Amino acid sequence: MIKRIIYIGKPSYLRSKKEQLVIENGDTGEINTLPAKDIGVLELDNQRITITSQCMRLFAENKTAVILCDQTHTPISLTLPMEGHFRQSRRLKRQAEASLSTKKRLWKHIVKAKILNQRSVLEKYQLDTGALKRNIKNVKSDDSGNMEGISSAHYWKHLFSDKKFRRNPDGLYPNNLLNYGYAVIRAITARAIVTTGLHPSIGLHHKNQYNAFCLADDLMEPYRPYVDEIVMNYYSENKDYEELTRNVKRIILAVAFENCDIDEKIHPLINAVKISCSSLNNCLANKCQKIIFPKFNYRADTD
């Protein structure tokens, strides 16, 4: 089942009734309802949204990720359920006890998958791929040679037509659009991690003690290029500064339903992330050696 991503950007009152989310428009009084079980991610983007505790309970029970935005429409909070899988205790134990060599090996494959997808984005638009193909083959355990950083420097230099662009979370437009897209992917990934029975704060590579989503930041890396392509296409037609308006968010939110070529099948991204998380659990259980990630464009020479 494909979960829905719901965006609420107008003053609203949210309550629940018979396992349904009831959304009442604060200005017009119009009421809409939808099954809570169908919602994968809910984004609340208005300072005049009121939500009942019963609604929050319903979201937790249905494993809905709730994103809260500030007055600049920037996501600042992500709420997830505490329990996500009936075998959670055993899976968390394996995750916490994973050996350093296992983590380094898995991070190596994450970096390779990310660079492969970055290269495929550049190739799709006939942009300079430089040494990215060679970099994929040179990724070592734990990416000790920093092929991720080297490849990203080339990638960002050539992705946008504006040569002055620099990728920086605090940088100029369209960095704000990229930040939002990554926040969406992060929420989708964190939710998938929890529903798999793992914990988003126990990372493979990311280890910041102040980061509650280290594992989400690890696993989302190969999915970033799907956001990059959407933002690049939008930016090519809108070079002047754009705020995160409702329409811009709607365009970027579509990334959740981008077709992903993963495990020899086509899945929407929101489901592909769950496949990646499940395969990570299999790796931690010694059932496989690599995390399954999508290929932006399928290639036979990815090993």
Foldseek 3Di string as FASTA:
>chain_A
DAADEEEDAAQWEWDDDPQKIWTAGPPPRDIDIDHLLRHAEYEYHYPRYHYDVNVVVSCLVSFHWYFYADPLRATDDIDTHPAAEPCLVVLQVLLVPPDLQLLQLALLQLLLLLLLQLLVLCVVVVWDQDCSVVLSVVQDRNSPVPSSVVNVVVSQCTLAPPNPDDQDCPDAPPSVQLSRLVVLQLNLLQSLLRNLSYFQQRDSNDPPPVDRRRNSVSLCSSVSVLLSNQRRVVCVVPVDGDGPDPVSSVSSNCQQQDWFCWPNDTGRNSVQSNQQSNVVSCVSVVNDRYRIHTRNDDDPPSD
